[in-house]
N, C-alpha and C. Protein backbone atom coordinates (compact mmCIF):
# COMPACT_ATOMS: atom_id res chain seq x y z
N MET A 1 0.82 -1.20 0.00
CA MET A 1 0.00 0.00 0.00
C MET A 1 0.87 1.26 0.00
N ASN A 2 1.94 1.26 0.78
CA ASN A 2 2.81 2.44 0.86
C ASN A 2 3.49 2.72 -0.47
N LYS A 3 3.87 1.66 -1.19
CA LYS A 3 4.51 1.85 -2.49
C LYS A 3 3.55 2.47 -3.49
N PHE A 4 2.29 2.06 -3.42
CA PHE A 4 1.27 2.60 -4.31
C PHE A 4 1.07 4.10 -4.05
N VAL A 5 0.98 4.47 -2.79
CA VAL A 5 0.80 5.88 -2.43
C VAL A 5 1.99 6.70 -2.90
N LEU A 6 3.21 6.20 -2.71
CA LEU A 6 4.40 6.92 -3.16
C LEU A 6 4.43 7.04 -4.67
N LEU A 7 4.01 6.01 -5.39
CA LEU A 7 3.97 6.05 -6.84
C LEU A 7 2.97 7.10 -7.33
N VAL A 8 1.81 7.16 -6.72
CA VAL A 8 0.80 8.16 -7.10
C VAL A 8 1.30 9.57 -6.80
N LEU A 9 1.91 9.77 -5.65
CA LEU A 9 2.45 11.09 -5.31
C LEU A 9 3.56 11.51 -6.27
N ALA A 10 4.40 10.57 -6.66
CA ALA A 10 5.47 10.88 -7.61
C ALA A 10 4.90 11.26 -8.97
N ALA A 11 3.87 10.54 -9.41
CA ALA A 11 3.24 10.86 -10.70
C ALA A 11 2.59 12.23 -10.66
N LEU A 12 1.94 12.56 -9.56
CA LEU A 12 1.32 13.89 -9.43
C LEU A 12 2.37 15.00 -9.41
N ALA A 13 3.47 14.76 -8.74
CA ALA A 13 4.53 15.76 -8.69
C ALA A 13 5.13 15.99 -10.07
N LEU A 14 5.33 14.93 -10.84
CA LEU A 14 5.87 15.08 -12.20
C LEU A 14 4.88 15.83 -13.10
N ALA A 15 3.62 15.53 -12.98
CA ALA A 15 2.62 16.21 -13.80
C ALA A 15 2.51 17.68 -13.42
N ALA A 16 2.63 17.98 -12.14
CA ALA A 16 2.50 19.36 -11.69
C ALA A 16 3.68 20.23 -12.11
N CYS A 17 4.87 19.66 -12.21
CA CYS A 17 6.04 20.47 -12.55
C CYS A 17 6.26 20.56 -14.06
N GLY A 18 5.54 19.75 -14.83
CA GLY A 18 5.63 19.89 -16.28
C GLY A 18 6.63 18.98 -16.96
N VAL A 19 7.14 17.96 -16.28
CA VAL A 19 8.11 17.06 -16.89
C VAL A 19 7.49 16.32 -18.08
N ASP A 20 6.22 15.97 -17.98
CA ASP A 20 5.55 15.22 -19.04
C ASP A 20 4.90 16.12 -20.08
N GLY A 21 5.14 17.40 -20.02
CA GLY A 21 4.53 18.36 -20.95
C GLY A 21 4.33 19.69 -20.24
N GLU A 22 3.49 20.50 -20.81
CA GLU A 22 3.22 21.81 -20.21
C GLU A 22 2.52 21.64 -18.86
N PRO A 23 2.96 22.39 -17.84
CA PRO A 23 2.32 22.26 -16.52
C PRO A 23 0.89 22.78 -16.55
N VAL A 24 0.09 22.26 -15.64
CA VAL A 24 -1.31 22.68 -15.51
C VAL A 24 -1.33 23.96 -14.70
N ARG A 25 -1.95 25.01 -15.24
CA ARG A 25 -2.05 26.28 -14.53
C ARG A 25 -3.47 26.46 -14.02
N PRO A 26 -3.61 26.81 -12.76
CA PRO A 26 -4.96 27.02 -12.22
C PRO A 26 -5.53 28.35 -12.66
N SER A 27 -6.85 28.43 -12.68
CA SER A 27 -7.53 29.70 -12.92
C SER A 27 -8.30 30.05 -11.65
N VAL A 28 -8.33 31.33 -11.33
CA VAL A 28 -8.97 31.80 -10.11
C VAL A 28 -9.94 32.91 -10.47
N GLY A 29 -11.10 32.90 -9.83
CA GLY A 29 -12.08 33.95 -10.06
C GLY A 29 -12.70 34.38 -8.75
N ALA A 30 -13.11 35.64 -8.70
CA ALA A 30 -13.78 36.18 -7.51
C ALA A 30 -14.83 37.18 -7.96
N GLY A 31 -15.86 37.31 -7.16
CA GLY A 31 -16.91 38.25 -7.51
C GLY A 31 -17.60 38.80 -6.28
N VAL A 32 -18.14 40.01 -6.44
CA VAL A 32 -18.90 40.68 -5.39
C VAL A 32 -20.15 41.24 -6.04
N GLY A 33 -21.29 41.06 -5.40
CA GLY A 33 -22.54 41.59 -5.94
C GLY A 33 -23.40 42.18 -4.85
N ILE A 34 -24.27 43.09 -5.26
CA ILE A 34 -25.21 43.73 -4.33
C ILE A 34 -26.62 43.48 -4.87
N SER A 35 -27.48 42.90 -4.02
CA SER A 35 -28.84 42.63 -4.44
C SER A 35 -29.69 43.89 -4.32
N SER A 36 -30.93 43.81 -4.84
CA SER A 36 -31.81 44.97 -4.78
C SER A 36 -32.18 45.33 -3.35
N GLY A 37 -32.08 44.38 -2.43
CA GLY A 37 -32.36 44.64 -1.02
C GLY A 37 -31.17 45.20 -0.27
N GLY A 38 -30.05 45.40 -0.94
CA GLY A 38 -28.86 45.96 -0.30
C GLY A 38 -27.93 44.93 0.31
N ARG A 39 -28.22 43.66 0.13
CA ARG A 39 -27.33 42.62 0.67
C ARG A 39 -26.13 42.42 -0.24
N ILE A 40 -24.99 42.21 0.37
CA ILE A 40 -23.75 42.00 -0.38
C ILE A 40 -23.47 40.50 -0.46
N HIS A 41 -23.15 40.03 -1.67
CA HIS A 41 -22.85 38.62 -1.91
C HIS A 41 -21.43 38.52 -2.46
N THR A 42 -20.69 37.57 -1.93
CA THR A 42 -19.34 37.33 -2.44
C THR A 42 -19.23 35.88 -2.91
N GLY A 43 -18.30 35.63 -3.79
CA GLY A 43 -18.09 34.28 -4.28
C GLY A 43 -16.70 34.14 -4.87
N GLY A 44 -16.30 32.91 -5.03
CA GLY A 44 -14.99 32.65 -5.62
C GLY A 44 -14.95 31.28 -6.24
N SER A 45 -13.98 31.07 -7.10
CA SER A 45 -13.82 29.77 -7.74
C SER A 45 -12.37 29.54 -8.09
N ILE A 46 -12.03 28.28 -8.21
CA ILE A 46 -10.71 27.88 -8.66
C ILE A 46 -10.91 26.72 -9.64
N GLY A 47 -10.10 26.70 -10.68
CA GLY A 47 -10.27 25.66 -11.69
C GLY A 47 -8.96 25.22 -12.30
N LEU A 48 -8.99 24.03 -12.86
CA LEU A 48 -7.86 23.46 -13.59
C LEU A 48 -8.38 23.02 -14.95
N HIS A 49 -7.62 23.28 -16.00
CA HIS A 49 -8.04 22.88 -17.33
C HIS A 49 -6.87 22.24 -18.05
N ARG A 50 -7.09 21.03 -18.48
CA ARG A 50 -6.11 20.31 -19.29
C ARG A 50 -6.93 19.46 -20.26
N SER A 51 -6.83 19.74 -21.53
CA SER A 51 -7.68 19.07 -22.53
C SER A 51 -7.62 17.57 -22.36
N PRO A 52 -8.70 16.91 -22.41
CA PRO A 52 -10.10 17.30 -22.53
C PRO A 52 -10.82 17.40 -21.18
N VAL A 53 -10.09 17.57 -20.08
CA VAL A 53 -10.69 17.55 -18.74
C VAL A 53 -10.60 18.92 -18.10
N SER A 54 -11.71 19.34 -17.48
CA SER A 54 -11.74 20.58 -16.71
C SER A 54 -12.33 20.28 -15.34
N LEU A 55 -11.78 20.93 -14.31
CA LEU A 55 -12.28 20.78 -12.96
C LEU A 55 -12.41 22.17 -12.37
N HIS A 56 -13.61 22.52 -11.91
CA HIS A 56 -13.86 23.83 -11.31
C HIS A 56 -14.59 23.65 -10.00
N LEU A 57 -14.15 24.35 -8.97
CA LEU A 57 -14.79 24.36 -7.68
C LEU A 57 -15.13 25.81 -7.35
N GLY A 58 -16.35 26.04 -6.89
CA GLY A 58 -16.76 27.40 -6.57
C GLY A 58 -17.57 27.47 -5.30
N VAL A 59 -17.56 28.65 -4.72
CA VAL A 59 -18.33 28.92 -3.50
C VAL A 59 -19.16 30.15 -3.73
């Protein structure tokens, strides 16, 4: 089990630094809005895009 975890971590590290190609760059977004009642709303998101897969998380 430990060897498997180390292998997965090594593969992720290589992919993140760009050894196997162009590194994956995250995208970040933020927003602020005001409703008609005067309430302020905030939000944010972070995403990763590498063809053909995209992953976005937002609040």
